[in-house]
Amino acid sequence: MNSLQSFLAVAPVAAKPARPSVGASRLVAPPPRRGRVVACLAPAAAPPPTAGAASGAARRELSAASMAVVEDEARYLVGTYKRSRVVLDAGRGCKLYDLDGREYLDMAAGIAVTAIGHGDPDLTATIARQASTLIHSSNVQYTRPQVALAKRLVEASFADRAFFANTGTEANEAAIKFSRKFQRAAHPDNDAPPAEFLAFDNCFHGRTMGSVALTSKSQYREPFAPVMPGVTFVEYGNLQEAKKVIQTGKLAAVFVEPVQGEGGIHSATQEFLQGLREACDEAGTLLVFDEVQCGLGRTGYLWAHEAYGVEPDIMTLAKPLANGLPIGVVLVKEKVAAAINYGDHGTTFGGGPLVCQAALTVLDKIQKPGFLAEVSKKGENFKQLLRTKLSGNPHVKEIRGVGLIVGIELDVPAGPLVDACLDAGVIVLTAGKGNVVRLVPPLIISEKELELAADVIRDCLPALDDTSS
């Protein structure tokens, strides 16, 4: 097991230097609701299957107000999402509350986004202050929050410069363009400079036309074909096959996630990433780390690649940086930035003052001394809890991950378990081929809340028997 989680066992997390926190976080309970149902307080022992199903169905029955939202969604929105039957209305800390007053433990964090939880008072105050000062200014002018955030990210990373976008897929689109422009500048006498890309199976880089071309799952690409040509996919972790493609000299860049999230919580090995770095250097190919989901503290390191001692030329970030406000970032070395000229790329909303000021507050908290070590500790304890509590269940094949990005691989589709957990008051996600339960809670989650999540998952495992019978 030469993956990141085993590597961390011999490379303990060191506290990272940080600016002082804006203030102590104090989580406040939401206003009381009439008839509130606390659905997350699952019993210690699993109820009989029939009784459990009945009580879950009763808990999940939607009110007229919630049904009105569900019906309007079906009428007015494009049907791109298969939604859970819950209408969320509020959040505090690691808890979410639906329109009917039910409480849920959030083990999904809006798909690894709300790293410092819901309703953080410092972040709320920051947003309110900035909103009353300046929400938007185009990138034709300077703003202090954008420059301050770029400085903060550069000083905390391998990079020399930053470019701001709005999402992870936009960050990856920019990385695609920057890679091709770099190769064109590096080969001024070549009418056809390296322009192709290497990515890996089970990867996910986004849904826009460039980034979806780098995404391995055919269901994301084929309905929209033809997508951007020139992308080769190799088995994740297969260094020898990757080297063969890199050595052709045709690649502008290699895109890789140090830890795959959507793909099923697979972490790279040090040998794999180090080998990619060396092969890219020999071929003049750029190495791009997509840390949209695994970066910014999720693994117990500020950047997931720090554990390996391997640096990229470009890194993309997004999800947790502003805790729910839309932001994407491309961090690049100077050699890449030098190839980009005025007008080569741009964005209307990327790096606006509101979202950048929010991101600075998020960074204050994630970089607070001891915070990342706590993430690492909680993640290891959580995996051990899951291994203990789920031990012996025939459907559980593996529990893996690092920090607070954890996956439970099953031998059957995970959907029934996800639904049962929702009924029991815990929100979890799927990943991989639909057979992995993905657990990416807010990084501020407590040990007690993680134990509750493990208990609920254990108690809901009988829901999988229906799919295997």
Protein backbone atom coordinates (compact mmCIF):
# COMPACT_ATOMS: atom_id res chain seq x y z
CA MET A 1 0.00 0.00 0.00
CA ASN A 2 2.21 2.81 -1.29
CA SER A 3 -0.58 5.34 -1.38
CA LEU A 4 -0.78 8.71 0.31
CA GLN A 5 -2.47 7.30 3.39
CA SER A 6 0.43 4.86 3.97
CA PHE A 7 3.01 7.53 3.17
CA LEU A 8 1.48 9.79 5.81
CA ALA A 9 2.07 7.10 8.40
CA VAL A 10 5.79 7.84 8.19
CA ALA A 11 5.51 11.53 7.34
CA PRO A 12 3.59 13.23 10.17
CA VAL A 13 1.82 16.47 9.48
CA ALA A 14 3.71 19.54 10.58
CA ALA A 15 1.89 22.67 11.65
CA LYS A 16 1.93 25.32 8.93
CA PRO A 17 2.73 28.98 9.67
CA ALA A 18 -0.32 31.16 9.39
CA ARG A 19 -1.62 34.64 9.87
CA PRO A 20 -3.65 35.13 13.04
CA SER A 21 -7.26 34.08 12.82
CA VAL A 22 -9.80 36.85 12.37
CA GLY A 23 -11.43 35.72 15.56
CA ALA A 24 -12.53 32.71 17.54
CA SER A 25 -15.22 30.71 15.79
CA ARG A 26 -18.42 30.41 17.78
CA LEU A 27 -21.12 28.19 16.34
CA VAL A 28 -24.61 29.36 17.14
CA ALA A 29 -27.68 27.18 17.06
CA PRO A 30 -30.35 28.12 14.54
CA PRO A 31 -33.56 29.70 15.69
CA PRO A 32 -35.95 27.13 17.17
CA ARG A 33 -38.55 25.76 14.76
CA ARG A 34 -41.98 24.59 15.71
CA GLY A 35 -42.25 20.81 15.53
CA ARG A 36 -38.59 20.33 14.61
CA VAL A 37 -37.57 16.71 14.09
CA VAL A 38 -33.98 15.90 15.08
CA ALA A 39 -33.34 13.19 12.52
CA CYS A 40 -29.61 12.76 13.14
CA LEU A 41 -29.95 11.27 16.61
CA ALA A 42 -29.90 7.67 15.39
CA PRO A 43 -30.22 4.90 18.00
CA ALA A 44 -27.04 3.08 18.99
CA ALA A 45 -28.39 -0.24 17.75
CA ALA A 46 -29.89 -0.80 14.33
CA PRO A 47 -33.70 -1.11 14.39
CA PRO A 48 -35.35 -4.10 12.75
CA PRO A 49 -35.35 -3.58 8.96
CA THR A 50 -39.12 -3.22 8.66
CA ALA A 51 -39.44 -0.79 11.54
CA GLY A 52 -36.42 1.18 10.37
CA ALA A 53 -37.83 1.52 6.87
CA ALA A 54 -41.18 2.63 8.23
CA SER A 55 -39.74 5.23 10.58
CA GLY A 56 -37.43 6.51 7.84
CA ALA A 57 -40.35 6.88 5.47
CA ALA A 58 -42.28 8.80 8.11
CA ARG A 59 -39.35 11.12 8.77
CA ARG A 60 -38.82 11.75 5.08
CA GLU A 61 -42.44 12.56 4.23
CA LEU A 62 -42.34 16.08 2.81
CA SER A 63 -44.61 18.88 3.93
CA ALA A 64 -46.78 20.81 1.48
CA ALA A 65 -44.23 23.66 1.53
CA SER A 66 -41.38 21.31 0.61
CA MET A 67 -43.46 19.55 -2.06
CA ALA A 68 -44.21 22.92 -3.63
CA VAL A 69 -40.46 23.53 -4.03
CA VAL A 70 -39.95 20.05 -5.51
CA GLU A 71 -42.80 20.51 -7.97
CA ASP A 72 -41.64 23.99 -9.04
CA GLU A 73 -38.10 22.65 -9.57
CA ALA A 74 -39.46 19.96 -11.88
CA ARG A 75 -41.41 22.58 -13.82
CA TYR A 76 -38.91 25.44 -14.10
CA LEU A 77 -35.36 24.03 -13.98
CA VAL A 78 -33.46 22.07 -16.62
CA GLY A 79 -33.32 18.48 -15.40
CA THR A 80 -29.57 18.12 -14.92
CA TYR A 81 -29.67 16.93 -11.30
CA LYS A 82 -31.08 13.82 -9.67
CA ARG A 83 -31.80 15.46 -6.34
CA SER A 84 -32.35 13.95 -2.90
CA ARG A 85 -35.82 14.53 -1.53
CA VAL A 86 -34.85 17.22 0.92
CA VAL A 87 -35.31 20.99 0.73
CA LEU A 88 -32.47 22.60 2.68
CA ASP A 89 -33.20 25.86 4.42
CA ALA A 90 -30.43 26.65 6.92
CA GLY A 91 -27.10 25.49 8.30
CA ARG A 92 -24.95 25.98 11.38
CA GLY A 93 -21.57 24.39 11.91
CA CYS A 94 -21.74 20.82 10.58
CA LYS A 95 -25.54 20.66 10.73
CA LEU A 96 -28.10 21.39 8.03
CA TYR A 97 -31.82 22.00 8.51
CA ASP A 98 -34.55 21.39 5.97
CA LEU A 99 -37.69 23.39 5.33
CA ASP A 100 -39.64 21.03 7.59
CA GLY A 101 -37.29 21.53 10.56
CA ARG A 102 -35.38 18.26 10.33
CA GLU A 103 -31.70 18.28 11.30
CA TYR A 104 -28.92 16.56 9.33
CA LEU A 105 -25.24 15.96 9.97
CA ASP A 106 -23.44 17.21 6.88
CA MET A 107 -20.82 14.66 5.77
CA ALA A 108 -20.75 16.09 2.24
CA ALA A 109 -19.96 19.79 2.80
CA GLY A 110 -21.64 20.75 -0.47
CA ILE A 111 -19.24 18.34 -2.26
CA ALA A 112 -16.11 19.23 -0.27
CA VAL A 113 -16.84 22.98 -0.31
CA THR A 114 -17.90 24.27 3.12
CA ALA A 115 -14.58 23.53 4.82
CA ILE A 116 -15.23 25.79 7.82
CA GLY A 117 -18.86 24.77 8.13
CA HIS A 118 -22.12 26.65 7.77
CA GLY A 119 -22.83 30.07 9.23
CA ASP A 120 -19.30 30.71 10.48
CA PRO A 121 -19.63 34.05 12.30
CA ASP A 122 -16.27 35.43 11.18
CA LEU A 123 -16.96 34.62 7.55
CA THR A 124 -20.47 36.00 7.80
CA ALA A 125 -19.12 39.26 9.22
CA THR A 126 -16.46 39.46 6.49
CA ILE A 127 -19.04 38.99 3.75
CA ALA A 128 -21.35 41.59 5.29
CA ARG A 129 -18.55 44.16 5.61
CA GLN A 130 -17.30 43.64 2.07
CA ALA A 131 -20.83 43.58 0.61
CA SER A 132 -21.47 46.99 2.16
CA THR A 133 -18.21 48.31 0.68
CA LEU A 134 -17.68 46.84 -2.81
CA ILE A 135 -19.14 43.65 -4.25
CA HIS A 136 -17.93 43.78 -7.84
CA SER A 137 -15.36 45.55 -9.94
CA SER A 138 -14.18 44.40 -13.32
CA ASN A 139 -10.59 43.28 -13.80
CA VAL A 140 -9.94 46.49 -15.71
CA GLN A 141 -9.12 48.01 -12.30
CA TYR A 142 -7.18 46.82 -9.24
CA THR A 143 -8.80 45.77 -5.96
CA ARG A 144 -7.02 45.15 -2.69
CA PRO A 145 -8.72 41.83 -1.81
CA GLN A 146 -7.72 40.21 -5.12
CA VAL A 147 -4.07 41.24 -4.85
CA ALA A 148 -3.96 40.26 -1.16
CA LEU A 149 -5.37 36.80 -1.90
CA ALA A 150 -2.96 36.23 -4.78
CA LYS A 151 -0.05 37.20 -2.53
CA ARG A 152 -1.28 34.87 0.22
CA LEU A 153 -1.65 31.87 -2.12
CA VAL A 154 1.69 32.43 -3.83
CA GLU A 155 3.53 32.80 -0.53
CA ALA A 156 1.96 29.57 0.76
CA SER A 157 2.70 27.48 -2.33
CA PHE A 158 5.20 26.54 -5.04
CA ALA A 159 3.76 29.18 -7.36
CA ASP A 160 4.91 32.59 -8.53
CA ARG A 161 1.60 33.95 -9.85
CA ALA A 162 -2.16 33.37 -9.68
CA PHE A 163 -5.11 33.71 -12.03
CA PHE A 164 -8.65 33.83 -10.61
CA ALA A 165 -11.71 32.23 -12.15
CA ASN A 166 -15.12 31.26 -10.72
CA THR A 167 -15.12 27.44 -10.60
CA GLY A 168 -12.89 24.40 -10.73
CA THR A 169 -13.77 23.62 -14.32
CA GLU A 170 -12.92 27.20 -15.32
CA ALA A 171 -9.60 26.89 -13.53
CA ASN A 172 -8.87 23.75 -15.52
CA GLU A 173 -9.92 25.45 -18.76
CA ALA A 174 -7.41 28.19 -18.00
CA ALA A 175 -4.74 25.59 -17.24
CA ILE A 176 -5.41 23.97 -20.64
CA LYS A 177 -4.99 27.30 -22.41
CA PHE A 178 -1.93 28.29 -20.40
CA SER A 179 -0.29 24.94 -21.16
CA ARG A 180 -0.78 25.31 -24.90
CA LYS A 181 0.37 28.93 -24.87
CA PHE A 182 3.47 27.93 -22.90
CA GLN A 183 4.35 25.28 -25.47
CA ARG A 184 3.83 27.72 -28.32
CA ALA A 185 6.20 30.19 -26.65
CA ALA A 186 8.70 27.40 -25.92
CA HIS A 187 8.69 26.27 -29.57
CA PRO A 188 8.58 29.53 -31.55
CA ASP A 189 9.86 27.92 -34.76
CA ASN A 190 7.46 24.99 -34.64
CA ASP A 191 4.20 25.39 -36.56
CA ALA A 192 2.72 22.49 -34.55
CA PRO A 193 4.03 22.73 -30.96
CA PRO A 194 3.02 20.08 -28.40
CA ALA A 195 -0.74 20.48 -27.85
CA GLU A 196 -2.06 17.15 -26.55
CA PHE A 197 -2.82 16.08 -22.99
CA LEU A 198 -2.51 13.06 -20.72
CA ALA A 199 -5.06 12.29 -18.02
CA PHE A 200 -5.96 9.18 -16.03
CA ASP A 201 -8.82 6.77 -15.60
CA ASN A 202 -11.35 7.59 -12.88
CA CYS A 203 -10.31 11.25 -13.12
CA PHE A 204 -12.67 14.20 -13.04
CA HIS A 205 -11.59 17.66 -14.19
CA GLY A 206 -14.91 19.38 -14.94
CA ARG A 207 -17.83 19.68 -17.33
CA THR A 208 -16.95 22.47 -19.75
CA MET A 209 -15.80 21.40 -23.20
CA GLY A 210 -12.08 21.43 -22.52
CA SER A 211 -12.12 19.99 -19.01
CA VAL A 212 -14.72 17.37 -19.87
CA ALA A 213 -12.37 16.15 -22.61
CA LEU A 214 -9.86 15.49 -19.81
CA THR A 215 -12.48 13.60 -17.75
CA SER A 216 -12.31 9.85 -18.20
CA LYS A 217 -15.92 8.78 -17.63
CA SER A 218 -17.51 8.33 -21.04
CA GLN A 219 -20.97 9.36 -19.83
CA TYR A 220 -19.64 12.88 -19.24
CA ARG A 221 -18.04 13.15 -22.69
CA GLU A 222 -19.95 11.10 -25.25
CA PRO A 223 -23.30 12.97 -25.21
CA PHE A 224 -21.43 16.13 -26.22
CA ALA A 225 -18.98 14.71 -28.76
CA PRO A 226 -16.88 15.80 -30.45
CA VAL A 227 -15.01 17.20 -27.47
CA MET A 228 -11.49 18.63 -27.57
CA PRO A 229 -9.27 16.07 -29.35
CA GLY A 230 -5.79 14.97 -28.39
CA VAL A 231 -6.37 13.52 -24.91
CA THR A 232 -4.92 10.14 -23.91
CA PHE A 233 -6.10 8.28 -20.79
CA VAL A 234 -3.83 5.92 -18.86
CA GLU A 235 -4.52 3.82 -15.77
CA TYR A 236 -4.10 5.93 -12.62
CA GLY A 237 -0.83 4.92 -11.01
CA ASN A 238 0.60 3.18 -14.09
CA LEU A 239 3.86 5.10 -14.39
CA GLN A 240 5.34 3.03 -17.20
CA GLU A 241 2.39 3.58 -19.53
CA ALA A 242 2.29 7.27 -18.64
CA LYS A 243 5.98 7.63 -19.46
CA LYS A 244 5.44 6.11 -22.90
CA VAL A 245 2.87 8.79 -23.72
CA ILE A 246 4.94 11.62 -22.26
CA GLN A 247 8.04 10.55 -24.18
CA THR A 248 6.27 11.03 -27.51
CA GLY A 249 6.92 14.76 -27.10
CA LYS A 250 3.37 15.57 -28.20
CA LEU A 251 1.98 16.62 -24.83
CA ALA A 252 1.40 20.18 -23.69
CA ALA A 253 0.65 18.94 -20.16
CA VAL A 254 -0.19 16.05 -17.89
CA PHE A 255 -3.26 16.56 -15.66
CA VAL A 256 -3.47 14.50 -12.46
CA GLU A 257 -5.28 14.61 -9.12
CA PRO A 258 -2.99 13.70 -6.19
CA VAL A 259 -6.13 12.25 -4.59
CA GLN A 260 -9.09 11.42 -6.80
CA GLY A 261 -12.41 12.44 -5.26
CA GLU A 262 -15.15 11.87 -7.83
CA GLY A 263 -13.20 8.85 -9.10
CA GLY A 264 -13.61 6.93 -5.85
CA ILE A 265 -11.09 8.31 -3.27
CA HIS A 266 -7.89 6.93 -4.78
CA SER A 267 -4.60 8.48 -3.69
CA ALA A 268 -1.43 8.51 -5.74
CA THR A 269 1.88 7.04 -4.66
CA GLN A 270 5.01 9.09 -4.22
CA GLU A 271 6.71 6.98 -6.88
CA PHE A 272 3.95 7.77 -9.37
CA LEU A 273 3.97 11.55 -8.90
CA GLN A 274 7.76 11.73 -8.70
CA GLY A 275 8.01 9.66 -11.89
CA LEU A 276 5.58 11.97 -13.69
CA ARG A 277 7.61 14.97 -12.56
CA GLU A 278 10.84 13.51 -13.92
CA ALA A 279 9.28 12.37 -17.21
CA CYS A 280 7.67 15.79 -17.76
CA ASP A 281 10.96 17.57 -17.08
CA GLU A 282 12.77 15.37 -19.62
CA ALA A 283 10.12 15.92 -22.30
CA GLY A 284 9.45 19.61 -21.69
CA THR A 285 5.86 18.79 -20.69
CA LEU A 286 4.02 20.73 -17.99
CA LEU A 287 2.73 18.90 -14.91
CA VAL A 288 -0.68 20.09 -13.68
CA PHE A 289 -2.06 19.05 -10.28
CA ASP A 290 -5.84 19.34 -10.02
CA GLU A 291 -6.47 19.98 -6.32
CA VAL A 292 -9.96 21.36 -6.77
CA GLN A 293 -11.37 18.76 -4.36
CA CYS A 294 -8.34 17.44 -2.47
CA GLY A 295 -6.51 20.73 -1.84
CA LEU A 296 -6.76 23.43 0.83
CA GLY A 297 -6.53 21.28 3.94
CA ARG A 298 -8.71 18.34 2.96
CA THR A 299 -5.85 15.81 3.32
CA GLY A 300 -4.37 17.36 6.46
CA TYR A 301 -1.88 19.31 4.37
CA LEU A 302 -2.60 22.72 2.90
CA TRP A 303 -1.87 21.22 -0.53
CA ALA A 304 -2.31 17.49 -1.12
CA HIS A 305 0.95 17.26 -3.07
CA GLU A 306 2.98 18.50 -0.09
CA ALA A 307 2.97 14.99 1.36
CA TYR A 308 4.95 13.72 -1.61
CA GLY A 309 7.56 16.46 -1.94
CA VAL A 310 6.68 16.84 -5.63
CA GLU A 311 5.79 20.24 -7.09
CA PRO A 312 3.71 20.89 -10.22
CA ASP A 313 4.13 23.64 -12.79
CA ILE A 314 0.44 24.52 -12.51
CA MET A 315 -2.14 23.79 -9.80
CA THR A 316 -5.89 24.35 -9.96
CA LEU A 317 -8.03 25.08 -6.89
CA ALA A 318 -11.64 25.95 -6.21
CA LYS A 319 -14.16 24.22 -3.98
CA PRO A 320 -13.36 25.15 -0.36
CA LEU A 321 -11.44 28.37 -0.87
CA ALA A 322 -14.35 30.73 -0.23
CA ASN A 323 -16.51 28.21 1.67
CA GLY A 324 -19.37 28.30 -0.83
CA LEU A 325 -18.88 31.54 -2.72
CA PRO A 326 -17.78 30.80 -6.30
CA ILE A 327 -14.04 31.00 -6.90
CA GLY A 328 -11.44 29.11 -8.91
CA VAL A 329 -7.69 29.66 -8.98
CA VAL A 330 -4.82 28.68 -11.25
CA LEU A 331 -1.42 28.88 -9.56
CA VAL A 332 1.55 28.85 -11.95
CA LYS A 333 5.31 29.03 -11.98
CA GLU A 334 6.94 32.08 -13.55
CA LYS A 335 7.93 30.21 -16.71
CA VAL A 336 4.23 29.60 -17.44
CA ALA A 337 3.14 33.11 -16.51
CA ALA A 338 5.80 34.58 -18.79
CA ALA A 339 4.09 33.01 -21.81
CA ILE A 340 0.74 34.72 -21.10
CA ASN A 341 0.10 38.17 -22.53
CA TYR A 342 -2.60 40.80 -22.07
CA GLY A 343 -5.86 39.53 -23.57
CA ASP A 344 -4.84 35.87 -23.73
CA HIS A 345 -7.44 34.99 -21.11
CA GLY A 346 -9.91 36.78 -18.88
CA THR A 347 -13.09 36.68 -16.84
CA THR A 348 -15.83 39.10 -15.82
CA PHE A 349 -16.46 37.82 -12.32
CA GLY A 350 -13.26 35.94 -11.41
CA GLY A 351 -11.41 37.35 -8.40
CA GLY A 352 -14.07 39.85 -7.38
CA PRO A 353 -13.53 41.71 -4.09
CA LEU A 354 -16.36 39.98 -2.21
CA VAL A 355 -15.25 36.43 -2.87
CA CYS A 356 -11.55 37.21 -2.45
CA GLN A 357 -12.13 38.84 0.94
CA ALA A 358 -14.14 35.78 1.98
CA ALA A 359 -11.32 33.50 0.84
CA LEU A 360 -8.83 35.41 2.98
CA THR A 361 -10.96 34.69 6.05
CA VAL A 362 -11.19 31.00 5.12
CA LEU A 363 -7.41 30.84 4.76
CA ASP A 364 -7.01 32.49 8.18
CA LYS A 365 -8.83 29.54 9.69
CA ILE A 366 -7.32 26.72 7.66
CA GLN A 367 -3.79 28.06 8.24
CA LYS A 368 -4.32 28.59 11.97
CA PRO A 369 -1.60 26.67 13.85
CA GLY A 370 -2.73 23.15 14.68
CA PHE A 371 -5.78 23.17 12.38
CA LEU A 372 -4.30 20.91 9.70
CA ALA A 373 -2.81 18.52 12.24
CA GLU A 374 -6.30 18.17 13.72
CA VAL A 375 -7.73 17.38 10.29
CA SER A 376 -5.16 14.63 9.88
CA LYS A 377 -5.81 13.23 13.34
CA LYS A 378 -9.59 13.28 12.95
CA GLY A 379 -9.32 11.61 9.56
CA GLU A 380 -7.19 8.74 10.86
CA ASN A 381 -9.48 8.24 13.87
CA PHE A 382 -12.53 8.29 11.60
CA LYS A 383 -11.13 5.62 9.29
CA GLN A 384 -10.35 3.41 12.29
CA LEU A 385 -13.87 3.96 13.62
CA LEU A 386 -15.36 2.94 10.30
CA ARG A 387 -13.14 -0.14 10.05
CA THR A 388 -14.19 -1.20 13.54
CA LYS A 389 -17.90 -0.47 13.21
CA LEU A 390 -18.31 -1.80 9.66
CA SER A 391 -16.09 -4.83 10.19
CA GLY A 392 -17.66 -8.08 9.09
CA ASN A 393 -20.23 -6.60 6.74
CA PRO A 394 -19.87 -8.54 3.48
CA HIS A 395 -20.67 -5.51 1.32
CA VAL A 396 -17.76 -3.41 2.63
CA LYS A 397 -14.67 -4.08 0.49
CA GLU A 398 -12.32 -1.27 1.59
CA ILE A 399 -12.17 1.90 3.64
CA ARG A 400 -9.58 4.31 2.29
CA GLY A 401 -8.62 7.95 2.13
CA VAL A 402 -6.46 10.51 3.86
CA GLY A 403 -7.41 13.36 6.15
CA LEU A 404 -11.11 14.11 5.78
CA ILE A 405 -11.55 12.69 2.29
CA VAL A 406 -12.66 9.13 2.98
CA GLY A 407 -14.28 6.47 0.82
CA ILE A 408 -16.13 3.26 1.65
CA GLU A 409 -15.98 0.91 -1.32
CA LEU A 410 -18.90 -1.52 -1.56
CA ASP A 411 -19.58 -4.58 -3.69
CA VAL A 412 -23.01 -3.19 -4.64
CA PRO A 413 -24.31 0.26 -5.65
CA ALA A 414 -24.14 2.72 -2.75
CA GLY A 415 -27.42 4.50 -3.54
CA PRO A 416 -29.64 2.61 -1.06
CA LEU A 417 -27.15 3.26 1.76
CA VAL A 418 -26.94 6.95 0.86
CA ASP A 419 -30.76 7.19 0.93
CA ALA A 420 -30.98 5.33 4.23
CA CYS A 421 -28.39 7.64 5.79
CA LEU A 422 -30.36 10.66 4.61
CA ASP A 423 -33.48 9.26 6.24
CA ALA A 424 -31.45 8.76 9.43
CA GLY A 425 -30.21 12.35 9.32
CA VAL A 426 -26.72 12.05 7.79
CA ILE A 427 -25.90 13.43 4.33
CA VAL A 428 -23.27 11.46 2.38
CA LEU A 429 -22.25 11.23 -1.29
CA THR A 430 -21.38 8.56 -3.82
CA ALA A 431 -18.24 8.35 -5.95
CA GLY A 432 -16.40 6.01 -8.29
CA LYS A 433 -18.74 3.81 -10.29
CA GLY A 434 -21.54 4.55 -7.84
CA ASN A 435 -20.29 1.90 -5.42
CA VAL A 436 -18.23 4.18 -3.15
CA VAL A 437 -19.64 6.22 -0.26
CA ARG A 438 -17.72 9.51 -0.26
CA LEU A 439 -17.28 11.28 3.08
CA VAL A 440 -15.97 14.86 2.86
CA PRO A 441 -17.37 16.71 5.89
CA PRO A 442 -16.51 20.25 6.96
CA LEU A 443 -12.95 20.27 8.27
CA ILE A 444 -14.21 21.68 11.59
CA ILE A 445 -16.24 18.55 12.35
CA SER A 446 -15.85 17.17 15.87
CA GLU A 447 -14.80 13.66 16.88
CA LYS A 448 -18.25 13.19 18.43
CA GLU A 449 -19.96 14.07 15.15
CA LEU A 450 -17.69 11.70 13.23
CA GLU A 451 -18.58 8.90 15.66
CA LEU A 452 -22.26 9.67 15.12
CA ALA A 453 -21.77 9.45 11.36
CA ALA A 454 -20.00 6.10 11.70
CA ASP A 455 -22.84 4.77 13.88
CA VAL A 456 -25.51 5.85 11.39
CA ILE A 457 -23.63 4.35 8.44
CA ARG A 458 -23.30 1.07 10.35
CA ASP A 459 -26.97 1.05 11.31
CA CYS A 460 -28.03 1.76 7.71
CA LEU A 461 -25.96 -1.01 6.09
CA PRO A 462 -28.96 -3.40 6.00
CA ALA A 463 -30.39 -1.17 3.26
CA LEU A 464 -27.79 -2.71 0.94
CA ASP A 465 -29.22 -6.20 1.33
CA ASP A 466 -32.15 -5.35 -0.92
CA THR A 467 -29.77 -4.67 -3.83
CA SER A 468 -27.81 -7.88 -3.36
CA SER A 469 -30.70 -10.31 -2.89
